[in-house]
Amino acid sequence: GGTFLIEKMPDPSAVWTRGEDQHTDWWGEGRGGMDPSDLTPHYLNDFILNRCFDQAAVTGWTVRTNPFEGGSDHVPFLRAGIPGLLLWHFTDQFYHTDLDRLDKVSPETMTNVGVTTTVSAMTLTSANHHVARFVISELEAAALDRLATEFHLSRESLDAGGDRVQESTILRTWLQWYLDALETTRDIEVGGPSEGTLAAIDAAVIRVKDVGEDYLNRL
């Protein structure tokens, strides 16, 4: 009864869950959010999501995300400083029951997940400067899209009487998260980043920062 999900590495949606971001039923009522100091900026969230969207464009696969909730096998990797996220399917009425058997497995979903993860792993483990700069460009686009979304959500909140300091904090946290995530793209290119890749990162950082600061000034 559920859908395929990517549980993201901790980003600001785990602290301020709003707009299209939604926790799953696994999260439950009454559980507190994360602290901004617990966030882990990284390109992996958007890289994996975009590879899933590539597969979905061909197969019609439904792909959604949820904020970080923890409680599964990706958490020890994160605690060890290793990028990790969760590919899962929820809500599932058979999950962790004695009815969770082979006839409940979707061959289509397993194919989609297998193709996506294989392509992602092979791409990152053999990435040259073309791949690195492609990922940087994708991440910049994701950053600009998220900042636009959060700006409009903050404006709506302020128009409804929301707190300006709080809204500025949310937007600034997203901006810093993506600026830091762009810096992590330095590890994509096998053998280390070339001068052109470093220049692409610096340019993307400047563009994202300029847009984010403009949004903050307009709040």
N, C-alpha and C. Protein backbone atom coordinates (compact mmCIF):
# COMPACT_ATOMS: atom_id res chain seq x y z
N GLY A 1 0.80 -1.23 0.00
CA GLY A 1 0.00 0.00 0.00
C GLY A 1 0.82 1.26 0.00
N GLY A 2 2.15 1.12 0.05
CA GLY A 2 3.01 2.30 0.10
C GLY A 2 3.65 2.58 -1.25
N THR A 3 4.76 3.31 -1.21
CA THR A 3 5.47 3.67 -2.42
C THR A 3 6.96 3.59 -2.17
N PHE A 4 7.73 3.51 -3.23
CA PHE A 4 9.17 3.56 -3.10
C PHE A 4 9.59 4.92 -2.56
N LEU A 5 10.57 4.91 -1.65
CA LEU A 5 11.03 6.14 -1.02
C LEU A 5 12.56 6.18 -0.96
N ILE A 6 13.09 7.37 -1.02
CA ILE A 6 14.48 7.61 -0.68
C ILE A 6 14.48 8.39 0.63
N GLU A 7 14.97 7.75 1.69
CA GLU A 7 15.14 8.50 2.93
C GLU A 7 16.47 9.23 2.84
N LYS A 8 16.41 10.53 2.82
CA LYS A 8 17.58 11.35 2.55
C LYS A 8 18.56 11.35 3.72
N MET A 9 19.84 11.57 3.39
CA MET A 9 20.78 11.92 4.44
C MET A 9 20.25 13.16 5.14
N PRO A 10 20.58 13.36 6.43
CA PRO A 10 19.99 14.47 7.17
C PRO A 10 20.20 15.83 6.51
N ASP A 11 19.11 16.41 6.05
CA ASP A 11 19.11 17.77 5.50
C ASP A 11 18.10 18.59 6.31
N PRO A 12 17.95 19.87 6.04
CA PRO A 12 17.07 20.69 6.88
C PRO A 12 15.60 20.25 6.92
N SER A 13 15.17 19.42 5.96
CA SER A 13 13.78 18.94 6.02
C SER A 13 13.55 18.04 7.23
N ALA A 14 14.63 17.50 7.80
CA ALA A 14 14.51 16.69 9.02
C ALA A 14 14.33 17.55 10.26
N VAL A 15 14.66 18.84 10.13
CA VAL A 15 14.49 19.79 11.23
C VAL A 15 13.17 20.55 11.07
N TRP A 16 12.96 21.06 9.86
CA TRP A 16 11.73 21.79 9.53
C TRP A 16 11.05 21.06 8.39
N THR A 17 10.06 20.25 8.70
CA THR A 17 9.37 19.44 7.70
C THR A 17 8.13 20.20 7.24
N ARG A 18 8.17 20.64 6.00
CA ARG A 18 7.08 21.48 5.50
C ARG A 18 7.02 21.36 3.98
N GLY A 19 5.99 21.99 3.39
CA GLY A 19 5.82 21.89 1.95
C GLY A 19 5.53 20.46 1.53
N GLU A 20 6.21 19.99 0.49
CA GLU A 20 5.98 18.64 -0.02
C GLU A 20 6.74 17.58 0.78
N ASP A 21 7.66 18.00 1.64
CA ASP A 21 8.37 17.04 2.49
C ASP A 21 7.41 16.50 3.54
N GLN A 22 7.40 15.19 3.70
CA GLN A 22 6.53 14.56 4.69
C GLN A 22 7.24 13.37 5.32
N HIS A 23 7.10 13.24 6.63
CA HIS A 23 7.59 12.05 7.30
C HIS A 23 6.66 10.88 7.01
N THR A 24 7.18 9.68 7.16
CA THR A 24 6.36 8.48 6.98
C THR A 24 5.68 8.11 8.29
N ASP A 25 4.82 7.10 8.23
CA ASP A 25 4.17 6.61 9.44
C ASP A 25 5.17 5.97 10.40
N TRP A 26 6.34 5.60 9.88
CA TRP A 26 7.40 5.06 10.73
C TRP A 26 7.83 6.09 11.76
N TRP A 27 7.83 7.35 11.37
CA TRP A 27 8.28 8.43 12.25
C TRP A 27 7.38 8.55 13.47
N GLY A 28 6.08 8.54 13.24
CA GLY A 28 5.13 8.54 14.34
C GLY A 28 4.92 9.90 14.97
N GLU A 29 3.85 10.01 15.70
CA GLU A 29 3.52 11.26 16.37
C GLU A 29 4.39 11.43 17.62
N GLY A 30 4.73 12.67 17.90
CA GLY A 30 5.42 12.96 19.14
C GLY A 30 6.93 12.85 19.09
N ARG A 31 7.49 12.38 17.98
CA ARG A 31 8.94 12.29 17.89
C ARG A 31 9.51 13.65 17.52
N GLY A 32 10.56 14.03 18.20
CA GLY A 32 11.14 15.33 17.97
C GLY A 32 11.98 15.37 16.71
N GLY A 33 12.16 16.56 16.16
CA GLY A 33 12.99 16.72 15.00
C GLY A 33 14.47 16.73 15.35
N MET A 34 15.29 16.85 14.34
CA MET A 34 16.73 16.89 14.55
C MET A 34 17.19 18.32 14.83
N ASP A 35 18.41 18.42 15.31
CA ASP A 35 19.03 19.72 15.52
C ASP A 35 19.84 20.08 14.28
N PRO A 36 19.90 21.35 13.90
CA PRO A 36 20.68 21.73 12.72
C PRO A 36 22.14 21.27 12.78
N SER A 37 22.68 21.08 13.97
CA SER A 37 24.07 20.63 14.09
C SER A 37 24.24 19.17 13.68
N ASP A 38 23.12 18.44 13.54
CA ASP A 38 23.18 17.03 13.17
C ASP A 38 23.10 16.80 11.67
N LEU A 39 23.01 17.84 10.88
CA LEU A 39 22.83 17.69 9.44
C LEU A 39 24.12 17.27 8.75
N THR A 40 23.97 16.55 7.62
CA THR A 40 25.13 16.04 6.89
C THR A 40 25.03 16.44 5.42
N PRO A 41 25.53 17.60 5.08
CA PRO A 41 25.48 18.05 3.68
C PRO A 41 26.27 17.12 2.77
N HIS A 42 25.67 16.74 1.66
CA HIS A 42 26.36 15.87 0.70
C HIS A 42 25.58 15.85 -0.61
N TYR A 43 26.32 15.60 -1.69
CA TYR A 43 25.68 15.54 -3.01
C TYR A 43 24.87 14.27 -3.22
N LEU A 44 25.05 13.25 -2.36
CA LEU A 44 24.46 11.93 -2.62
C LEU A 44 22.93 11.97 -2.68
N ASN A 45 22.29 12.79 -1.83
CA ASN A 45 20.82 12.87 -1.86
C ASN A 45 20.29 13.15 -3.26
N ASP A 46 20.75 14.23 -3.85
CA ASP A 46 20.22 14.63 -5.15
C ASP A 46 20.75 13.76 -6.27
N PHE A 47 21.96 13.24 -6.12
CA PHE A 47 22.51 12.34 -7.15
C PHE A 47 21.66 11.08 -7.28
N ILE A 48 21.36 10.44 -6.15
CA ILE A 48 20.55 9.22 -6.20
C ILE A 48 19.13 9.52 -6.65
N LEU A 49 18.56 10.61 -6.16
CA LEU A 49 17.20 10.97 -6.57
C LEU A 49 17.12 11.17 -8.08
N ASN A 50 18.10 11.84 -8.65
CA ASN A 50 18.09 12.07 -10.09
C ASN A 50 18.28 10.79 -10.89
N ARG A 51 19.07 9.84 -10.37
CA ARG A 51 19.22 8.57 -11.07
C ARG A 51 17.90 7.79 -11.01
N CYS A 52 17.19 7.90 -9.89
CA CYS A 52 15.87 7.26 -9.80
C CYS A 52 14.89 7.90 -10.78
N PHE A 53 14.96 9.21 -10.90
CA PHE A 53 14.10 9.90 -11.85
C PHE A 53 14.43 9.50 -13.29
N ASP A 54 15.71 9.26 -13.57
CA ASP A 54 16.10 8.77 -14.90
C ASP A 54 15.40 7.45 -15.20
N GLN A 55 15.43 6.55 -14.22
CA GLN A 55 14.79 5.24 -14.40
C GLN A 55 13.28 5.39 -14.49
N ALA A 56 12.72 6.27 -13.67
CA ALA A 56 11.27 6.48 -13.67
C ALA A 56 10.78 7.03 -15.00
N ALA A 57 11.60 7.82 -15.67
CA ALA A 57 11.20 8.39 -16.96
C ALA A 57 11.00 7.31 -18.01
N VAL A 58 11.66 6.19 -17.81
CA VAL A 58 11.57 5.08 -18.77
C VAL A 58 10.48 4.08 -18.38
N THR A 59 10.33 3.87 -17.07
CA THR A 59 9.46 2.79 -16.59
C THR A 59 8.15 3.25 -15.96
N GLY A 60 8.03 4.56 -15.66
CA GLY A 60 6.83 5.03 -14.98
C GLY A 60 6.86 4.78 -13.48
N TRP A 61 8.00 4.46 -12.95
CA TRP A 61 8.20 4.20 -11.53
C TRP A 61 7.83 5.43 -10.70
N THR A 62 7.12 5.23 -9.60
CA THR A 62 6.79 6.31 -8.69
C THR A 62 7.90 6.45 -7.67
N VAL A 63 8.53 7.61 -7.63
CA VAL A 63 9.67 7.86 -6.74
C VAL A 63 9.35 9.03 -5.84
N ARG A 64 9.48 8.83 -4.54
CA ARG A 64 9.28 9.90 -3.58
C ARG A 64 10.43 9.91 -2.57
N THR A 65 10.49 10.95 -1.76
CA THR A 65 11.51 11.04 -0.72
C THR A 65 10.85 11.28 0.63
N ASN A 66 11.61 11.03 1.68
CA ASN A 66 11.18 11.43 3.02
C ASN A 66 12.38 11.96 3.78
N PRO A 67 12.14 12.87 4.73
CA PRO A 67 13.25 13.38 5.54
C PRO A 67 13.89 12.24 6.34
N PHE A 68 15.10 12.47 6.79
CA PHE A 68 15.81 11.47 7.59
C PHE A 68 15.00 11.11 8.83
N GLU A 69 14.87 9.78 9.07
CA GLU A 69 14.17 9.28 10.25
C GLU A 69 15.03 8.32 11.06
N GLY A 70 16.01 7.70 10.42
CA GLY A 70 16.90 6.78 11.11
C GLY A 70 16.27 5.42 11.35
N GLY A 71 16.95 4.60 12.15
CA GLY A 71 16.40 3.32 12.53
C GLY A 71 16.66 2.19 11.57
N SER A 72 17.55 2.38 10.58
CA SER A 72 17.82 1.29 9.65
C SER A 72 19.32 1.22 9.36
N ASP A 73 19.69 0.41 8.35
CA ASP A 73 21.08 0.04 8.15
C ASP A 73 21.98 1.16 7.65
N HIS A 74 21.39 2.27 7.23
CA HIS A 74 22.22 3.38 6.76
C HIS A 74 22.80 4.21 7.91
N VAL A 75 22.21 4.09 9.08
CA VAL A 75 22.62 4.93 10.21
C VAL A 75 24.06 4.67 10.65
N PRO A 76 24.52 3.41 10.78
CA PRO A 76 25.92 3.19 11.18
C PRO A 76 26.91 3.81 10.20
N PHE A 77 26.58 3.83 8.92
CA PHE A 77 27.47 4.48 7.96
C PHE A 77 27.57 5.97 8.25
N LEU A 78 26.41 6.60 8.48
CA LEU A 78 26.41 8.03 8.78
C LEU A 78 27.19 8.32 10.05
N ARG A 79 27.04 7.48 11.05
CA ARG A 79 27.77 7.68 12.31
C ARG A 79 29.27 7.54 12.11
N ALA A 80 29.66 6.75 11.11
CA ALA A 80 31.09 6.57 10.81
C ALA A 80 31.61 7.60 9.83
N GLY A 81 30.76 8.57 9.45
CA GLY A 81 31.19 9.61 8.53
C GLY A 81 31.17 9.17 7.08
N ILE A 82 30.45 8.10 6.78
CA ILE A 82 30.35 7.58 5.41
C ILE A 82 28.98 7.95 4.85
N PRO A 83 28.91 8.59 3.68
CA PRO A 83 27.61 8.96 3.11
C PRO A 83 26.70 7.73 2.97
N GLY A 84 25.47 7.86 3.38
CA GLY A 84 24.54 6.75 3.28
C GLY A 84 23.11 7.23 3.36
N LEU A 85 22.26 6.63 2.54
CA LEU A 85 20.83 6.91 2.61
C LEU A 85 20.07 5.60 2.48
N LEU A 86 18.76 5.67 2.58
CA LEU A 86 17.93 4.47 2.62
C LEU A 86 17.00 4.43 1.41
N LEU A 87 17.06 3.34 0.67
CA LEU A 87 16.09 3.07 -0.40
C LEU A 87 15.11 2.04 0.15
N TRP A 88 13.84 2.43 0.27
CA TRP A 88 12.89 1.53 0.91
C TRP A 88 11.50 1.72 0.34
N HIS A 89 10.54 1.04 0.93
CA HIS A 89 9.16 1.06 0.46
C HIS A 89 8.27 1.05 1.69
N PHE A 90 7.46 2.10 1.84
CA PHE A 90 6.64 2.21 3.03
C PHE A 90 5.43 3.07 2.71
N THR A 91 4.34 2.91 3.29
CA THR A 91 3.93 1.95 4.31
C THR A 91 3.73 0.58 3.67
N ASP A 92 4.09 -0.48 4.37
CA ASP A 92 3.95 -1.85 3.90
C ASP A 92 3.33 -2.67 5.04
N GLN A 93 2.12 -3.15 4.83
CA GLN A 93 1.40 -3.84 5.90
C GLN A 93 2.05 -5.16 6.30
N PHE A 94 2.96 -5.69 5.46
CA PHE A 94 3.62 -6.96 5.78
C PHE A 94 4.99 -6.77 6.40
N TYR A 95 5.43 -5.54 6.53
CA TYR A 95 6.78 -5.24 7.00
C TYR A 95 7.03 -5.80 8.40
N HIS A 96 8.09 -6.58 8.55
CA HIS A 96 8.47 -7.18 9.83
C HIS A 96 7.37 -8.07 10.41
N THR A 97 6.67 -8.78 9.55
CA THR A 97 5.68 -9.77 10.01
C THR A 97 6.02 -11.11 9.38
N ASP A 98 5.34 -12.16 9.84
CA ASP A 98 5.59 -13.49 9.27
C ASP A 98 4.94 -13.67 7.91
N LEU A 99 4.26 -12.64 7.41
CA LEU A 99 3.71 -12.65 6.06
C LEU A 99 4.64 -12.00 5.03
N ASP A 100 5.78 -11.51 5.51
CA ASP A 100 6.75 -10.84 4.63
C ASP A 100 7.55 -11.91 3.89
N ARG A 101 6.95 -12.42 2.81
CA ARG A 101 7.54 -13.55 2.07
C ARG A 101 7.72 -13.17 0.60
N LEU A 102 8.29 -14.10 -0.16
CA LEU A 102 8.71 -13.80 -1.51
C LEU A 102 7.56 -13.34 -2.40
N ASP A 103 6.37 -13.83 -2.16
CA ASP A 103 5.25 -13.44 -3.02
C ASP A 103 4.84 -11.98 -2.80
N LYS A 104 5.38 -11.33 -1.77
CA LYS A 104 5.09 -9.91 -1.52
C LYS A 104 6.12 -9.00 -2.19
N VAL A 105 7.14 -9.58 -2.80
CA VAL A 105 8.20 -8.79 -3.43
C VAL A 105 7.77 -8.40 -4.84
N SER A 106 8.00 -7.14 -5.19
CA SER A 106 7.66 -6.65 -6.52
C SER A 106 8.87 -6.77 -7.44
N PRO A 107 8.80 -7.64 -8.46
CA PRO A 107 9.93 -7.74 -9.41
C PRO A 107 10.21 -6.42 -10.12
N GLU A 108 9.17 -5.65 -10.41
CA GLU A 108 9.36 -4.38 -11.09
C GLU A 108 10.16 -3.41 -10.22
N THR A 109 9.76 -3.32 -8.93
CA THR A 109 10.47 -2.41 -8.04
C THR A 109 11.91 -2.86 -7.84
N MET A 110 12.13 -4.17 -7.66
CA MET A 110 13.48 -4.67 -7.47
C MET A 110 14.34 -4.40 -8.70
N THR A 111 13.74 -4.49 -9.89
CA THR A 111 14.47 -4.18 -11.12
C THR A 111 14.85 -2.70 -11.14
N ASN A 112 13.89 -1.84 -10.83
CA ASN A 112 14.16 -0.41 -10.82
C ASN A 112 15.26 -0.04 -9.82
N VAL A 113 15.17 -0.60 -8.62
CA VAL A 113 16.17 -0.32 -7.59
C VAL A 113 17.53 -0.88 -8.01
N GLY A 114 17.53 -2.10 -8.56
CA GLY A 114 18.79 -2.70 -8.97
C GLY A 114 19.49 -1.93 -10.07
N VAL A 115 18.72 -1.50 -11.06
CA VAL A 115 19.30 -0.72 -12.15
C VAL A 115 19.85 0.60 -11.63
N THR A 116 19.05 1.28 -10.81
CA THR A 116 19.45 2.59 -10.31
C THR A 116 20.70 2.52 -9.45
N THR A 117 20.75 1.57 -8.53
CA THR A 117 21.90 1.48 -7.63
C THR A 117 23.16 1.04 -8.38
N THR A 118 22.99 0.14 -9.35
CA THR A 118 24.16 -0.30 -10.12
C THR A 118 24.73 0.84 -10.95
N VAL A 119 23.84 1.56 -11.65
CA VAL A 119 24.29 2.71 -12.44
C VAL A 119 24.95 3.75 -11.55
N SER A 120 24.37 4.01 -10.39
CA SER A 120 24.91 5.02 -9.48
C SER A 120 26.31 4.63 -9.00
N ALA A 121 26.44 3.38 -8.58
CA ALA A 121 27.73 2.91 -8.06
C ALA A 121 28.80 2.92 -9.14
N MET A 122 28.47 2.41 -10.33
CA MET A 122 29.45 2.37 -11.41
C MET A 122 29.84 3.76 -11.88
N THR A 123 28.88 4.67 -11.86
CA THR A 123 29.16 6.05 -12.27
C THR A 123 30.13 6.72 -11.31
N LEU A 124 29.86 6.58 -10.01
CA LEU A 124 30.70 7.27 -9.03
C LEU A 124 32.07 6.63 -8.87
N THR A 125 32.18 5.32 -9.08
CA THR A 125 33.48 4.67 -8.89
C THR A 125 34.37 4.80 -10.12
N SER A 126 33.84 5.34 -11.20
CA SER A 126 34.65 5.51 -12.41
C SER A 126 34.54 6.93 -12.96
N ALA A 127 34.18 7.86 -12.10
CA ALA A 127 33.85 9.21 -12.57
C ALA A 127 35.09 9.97 -13.05
N ASN A 128 34.98 10.55 -14.24
CA ASN A 128 36.02 11.46 -14.73
C ASN A 128 35.54 12.90 -14.55
N HIS A 129 36.25 13.83 -15.16
CA HIS A 129 35.89 15.24 -14.96
C HIS A 129 34.54 15.58 -15.59
N HIS A 130 34.15 14.87 -16.65
CA HIS A 130 32.85 15.13 -17.26
C HIS A 130 31.72 14.77 -16.28
N VAL A 131 31.86 13.62 -15.64
CA VAL A 131 30.85 13.18 -14.67
C VAL A 131 30.81 14.14 -13.48
N ALA A 132 31.98 14.51 -12.98
CA ALA A 132 32.04 15.41 -11.82
C ALA A 132 31.32 16.71 -12.11
N ARG A 133 31.57 17.27 -13.27
CA ARG A 133 30.97 18.57 -13.58
C ARG A 133 29.47 18.43 -13.88
N PHE A 134 29.06 17.27 -14.38
CA PHE A 134 27.64 17.01 -14.56
C PHE A 134 26.93 16.97 -13.21
N VAL A 135 27.53 16.28 -12.24
CA VAL A 135 26.93 16.18 -10.91
C VAL A 135 26.90 17.56 -10.24
N ILE A 136 27.96 18.33 -10.40
CA ILE A 136 27.99 19.68 -9.85
C ILE A 136 26.86 20.51 -10.43
N SER A 137 26.65 20.40 -11.72
CA SER A 137 25.58 21.16 -12.37
C SER A 137 24.21 20.73 -11.87
N GLU A 138 24.01 19.41 -11.73
CA GLU A 138 22.75 18.90 -11.18
C GLU A 138 22.51 19.41 -9.77
N LEU A 139 23.56 19.39 -8.97
CA LEU A 139 23.43 19.80 -7.58
C LEU A 139 23.13 21.29 -7.47
N GLU A 140 23.76 22.08 -8.31
CA GLU A 140 23.46 23.51 -8.33
C GLU A 140 21.99 23.76 -8.67
N ALA A 141 21.49 23.03 -9.67
CA ALA A 141 20.08 23.19 -10.05
C ALA A 141 19.16 22.79 -8.90
N ALA A 142 19.52 21.71 -8.20
CA ALA A 142 18.71 21.27 -7.05
C ALA A 142 18.74 22.31 -5.95
N ALA A 143 19.90 22.91 -5.73
CA ALA A 143 20.02 23.94 -4.70
C ALA A 143 19.15 25.15 -5.02
N LEU A 144 19.20 25.60 -6.26
CA LEU A 144 18.41 26.76 -6.66
C LEU A 144 16.91 26.47 -6.56
N ASP A 145 16.53 25.26 -6.93
CA ASP A 145 15.12 24.87 -6.84
C ASP A 145 14.66 24.84 -5.38
N ARG A 146 15.49 24.25 -4.51
CA ARG A 146 15.12 24.18 -3.10
C ARG A 146 15.06 25.57 -2.48
N LEU A 147 16.01 26.42 -2.77
CA LEU A 147 16.00 27.77 -2.21
C LEU A 147 14.76 28.55 -2.65
N ALA A 148 14.37 28.37 -3.90
CA ALA A 148 13.15 29.03 -4.38
C ALA A 148 11.93 28.53 -3.63
N THR A 149 11.87 27.22 -3.44
CA THR A 149 10.75 26.62 -2.71
C THR A 149 10.69 27.13 -1.28
N GLU A 150 11.83 27.11 -0.60
CA GLU A 150 11.84 27.55 0.80
C GLU A 150 11.56 29.04 0.94
N PHE A 151 12.01 29.82 -0.02
CA PHE A 151 11.72 31.26 0.01
C PHE A 151 10.21 31.49 -0.05
N HIS A 152 9.55 30.80 -0.97
CA HIS A 152 8.10 30.98 -1.11
C HIS A 152 7.35 30.46 0.12
N LEU A 153 7.82 29.36 0.70
CA LEU A 153 7.19 28.85 1.92
C LEU A 153 7.38 29.85 3.07
N SER A 154 8.55 30.44 3.13
CA SER A 154 8.80 31.44 4.18
C SER A 154 7.97 32.69 3.98
N ARG A 155 7.82 33.11 2.73
CA ARG A 155 6.99 34.28 2.47
C ARG A 155 5.54 34.00 2.87
N GLU A 156 5.06 32.80 2.56
CA GLU A 156 3.70 32.43 2.95
C GLU A 156 3.55 32.44 4.47
N SER A 157 4.56 31.94 5.16
CA SER A 157 4.53 31.92 6.62
C SER A 157 4.52 33.34 7.18
N LEU A 158 5.35 34.22 6.62
CA LEU A 158 5.39 35.59 7.10
C LEU A 158 4.09 36.32 6.83
N ASP A 159 3.50 36.07 5.68
CA ASP A 159 2.22 36.69 5.34
C ASP A 159 1.12 36.24 6.30
N ALA A 160 1.31 35.05 6.89
CA ALA A 160 0.33 34.52 7.84
C ALA A 160 0.69 34.86 9.28
N GLY A 161 1.70 35.70 9.46
CA GLY A 161 2.08 36.13 10.80
C GLY A 161 3.25 35.37 11.40
N GLY A 162 3.99 34.65 10.57
CA GLY A 162 5.12 33.87 11.05
C GLY A 162 6.27 34.73 11.54
N ASP A 163 7.23 34.09 12.21
CA ASP A 163 8.37 34.78 12.80
C ASP A 163 9.48 34.96 11.78
N ARG A 164 9.91 36.20 11.57
CA ARG A 164 10.92 36.49 10.55
C ARG A 164 12.27 35.85 10.89
N VAL A 165 12.64 35.86 12.15
CA VAL A 165 13.92 35.26 12.54
C VAL A 165 13.92 33.77 12.24
N GLN A 166 12.82 33.12 12.56
CA GLN A 166 12.71 31.68 12.30
C GLN A 166 12.79 31.39 10.81
N GLU A 167 12.07 32.17 10.02
CA GLU A 167 12.08 31.93 8.57
C GLU A 167 13.45 32.21 7.96
N SER A 168 14.14 33.22 8.46
CA SER A 168 15.49 33.50 7.99
C SER A 168 16.43 32.36 8.35
N THR A 169 16.24 31.80 9.53
CA THR A 169 17.08 30.67 9.97
C THR A 169 16.89 29.46 9.07
N ILE A 170 15.64 29.17 8.72
CA ILE A 170 15.37 28.03 7.85
C ILE A 170 16.03 28.22 6.49
N LEU A 171 15.82 29.38 5.91
CA LEU A 171 16.37 29.64 4.57
C LEU A 171 17.89 29.65 4.60
N ARG A 172 18.47 30.25 5.62
CA ARG A 172 19.93 30.31 5.70
C ARG A 172 20.52 28.92 5.93
N THR A 173 19.82 28.08 6.67
CA THR A 173 20.30 26.72 6.91
C THR A 173 20.31 25.91 5.62
N TRP A 174 19.25 26.06 4.82
CA TRP A 174 19.22 25.39 3.52
C TRP A 174 20.34 25.89 2.62
N LEU A 175 20.55 27.20 2.63
CA LEU A 175 21.62 27.76 1.81
C LEU A 175 22.96 27.18 2.21
N GLN A 176 23.26 27.15 3.50
CA GLN A 176 24.55 26.64 3.95
C GLN A 176 24.67 25.15 3.68
N TRP A 177 23.56 24.42 3.81
CA TRP A 177 23.60 22.98 3.55
C TRP A 177 24.03 22.72 2.10
N TYR A 178 23.47 23.46 1.18
CA TYR A 178 23.82 23.24 -0.22
C TYR A 178 25.21 23.77 -0.56
N LEU A 179 25.62 24.85 0.07
CA LEU A 179 26.99 25.32 -0.15
C LEU A 179 27.99 24.26 0.31
N ASP A 180 27.73 23.66 1.46
CA ASP A 180 28.61 22.60 1.97
C ASP A 180 28.50 21.35 1.11
N ALA A 181 27.30 21.04 0.61
CA ALA A 181 27.13 19.88 -0.25
C ALA A 181 27.93 20.03 -1.54
N LEU A 182 27.95 21.23 -2.09
CA LEU A 182 28.73 21.47 -3.30
C LEU A 182 30.22 21.21 -3.04
N GLU A 183 30.70 21.52 -1.87
CA GLU A 183 32.11 21.27 -1.55
C GLU A 183 32.42 19.78 -1.52
N THR A 184 31.43 18.94 -1.20
CA THR A 184 31.69 17.49 -1.15
C THR A 184 31.87 16.90 -2.54
N THR A 185 31.52 17.64 -3.58
CA THR A 185 31.71 17.10 -4.94
C THR A 185 33.18 17.04 -5.32
N ARG A 186 34.05 17.54 -4.48
CA ARG A 186 35.48 17.44 -4.73
C ARG A 186 35.96 15.99 -4.76
N ASP A 187 35.20 15.09 -4.14
CA ASP A 187 35.66 13.69 -4.09
C ASP A 187 35.11 12.82 -5.22
N ILE A 188 34.39 13.41 -6.17
CA ILE A 188 33.77 12.61 -7.23
C ILE A 188 34.79 12.12 -8.25
N GLU A 189 35.61 13.02 -8.72
CA GLU A 189 36.53 12.69 -9.81
C GLU A 189 37.61 11.72 -9.32
N VAL A 190 37.69 10.57 -9.96
CA VAL A 190 38.68 9.57 -9.57
C VAL A 190 40.08 10.15 -9.75
N GLY A 191 40.91 10.02 -8.70
CA GLY A 191 42.25 10.57 -8.76
C GLY A 191 42.34 11.99 -8.23
N GLY A 192 41.20 12.56 -7.84
CA GLY A 192 41.19 13.91 -7.31
C GLY A 192 40.67 14.91 -8.32
N PRO A 193 40.16 16.05 -7.84
CA PRO A 193 39.54 17.02 -8.73
C PRO A 193 40.56 17.76 -9.59
N SER A 194 40.25 17.89 -10.86
CA SER A 194 41.09 18.66 -11.78
C SER A 194 40.83 20.14 -11.56
N GLU A 195 41.68 20.97 -12.14
CA GLU A 195 41.51 22.41 -11.99
C GLU A 195 40.16 22.88 -12.53
N GLY A 196 39.74 22.28 -13.65
CA GLY A 196 38.45 22.66 -14.21
C GLY A 196 37.29 22.30 -13.30
N THR A 197 37.40 21.15 -12.63
CA THR A 197 36.35 20.74 -11.70
C THR A 197 36.31 21.66 -10.49
N LEU A 198 37.47 22.01 -9.96
CA LEU A 198 37.52 22.93 -8.83
C LEU A 198 36.93 24.29 -9.21
N ALA A 199 37.21 24.72 -10.44
CA ALA A 199 36.65 25.99 -10.91
C ALA A 199 35.14 25.90 -11.03
N ALA A 200 34.64 24.76 -11.48
CA ALA A 200 33.19 24.57 -11.61
C ALA A 200 32.52 24.59 -10.24
N ILE A 201 33.17 23.99 -9.25
CA ILE A 201 32.62 24.01 -7.89
C ILE A 201 32.58 25.44 -7.36
N ASP A 202 33.69 26.16 -7.51
CA ASP A 202 33.74 27.54 -7.00
C ASP A 202 32.69 28.42 -7.66
N ALA A 203 32.50 28.24 -8.97
CA ALA A 203 31.52 29.05 -9.68
C ALA A 203 30.10 28.73 -9.22
N ALA A 204 29.82 27.43 -9.02
CA ALA A 204 28.49 27.02 -8.55
C ALA A 204 28.22 27.56 -7.16
N VAL A 205 29.23 27.51 -6.29
CA VAL A 205 29.08 28.04 -4.93
C VAL A 205 28.74 29.52 -4.97
N ILE A 206 29.41 30.26 -5.79
CA ILE A 206 29.15 31.71 -5.89
C ILE A 206 27.73 31.98 -6.37
N ARG A 207 27.31 31.24 -7.41
CA ARG A 207 25.95 31.47 -7.95
C ARG A 207 24.88 31.12 -6.92
N VAL A 208 25.04 29.98 -6.24
CA VAL A 208 24.05 29.58 -5.25
C VAL A 208 24.03 30.56 -4.08
N LYS A 209 25.21 30.97 -3.63
CA LYS A 209 25.28 31.92 -2.52
C LYS A 209 24.62 33.23 -2.89
N ASP A 210 24.85 33.73 -4.08
CA ASP A 210 24.25 35.00 -4.51
C ASP A 210 22.73 34.92 -4.51
N VAL A 211 22.20 33.81 -5.04
CA VAL A 211 20.75 33.65 -5.07
C VAL A 211 20.19 33.53 -3.66
N GLY A 212 20.85 32.73 -2.83
CA GLY A 212 20.38 32.56 -1.45
C GLY A 212 20.39 33.86 -0.67
N GLU A 213 21.46 34.63 -0.81
CA GLU A 213 21.53 35.91 -0.10
C GLU A 213 20.46 36.88 -0.60
N ASP A 214 20.16 36.81 -1.89
CA ASP A 214 19.11 37.67 -2.44
C ASP A 214 17.76 37.31 -1.83
N TYR A 215 17.48 36.00 -1.73
CA TYR A 215 16.22 35.57 -1.09
C TYR A 215 16.16 36.05 0.35
N LEU A 216 17.27 35.93 1.08
CA LEU A 216 17.29 36.35 2.48
C LEU A 216 17.03 37.85 2.61
N ASN A 217 17.58 38.60 1.70
CA ASN A 217 17.36 40.06 1.73
C ASN A 217 15.93 40.42 1.40
N ARG A 218 15.23 39.55 0.67
CA ARG A 218 13.85 39.83 0.27
C ARG A 218 12.81 39.30 1.25
N LEU A 219 13.23 38.59 2.26
CA LEU A 219 12.25 38.08 3.24
C LEU A 219 11.60 39.25 4.00
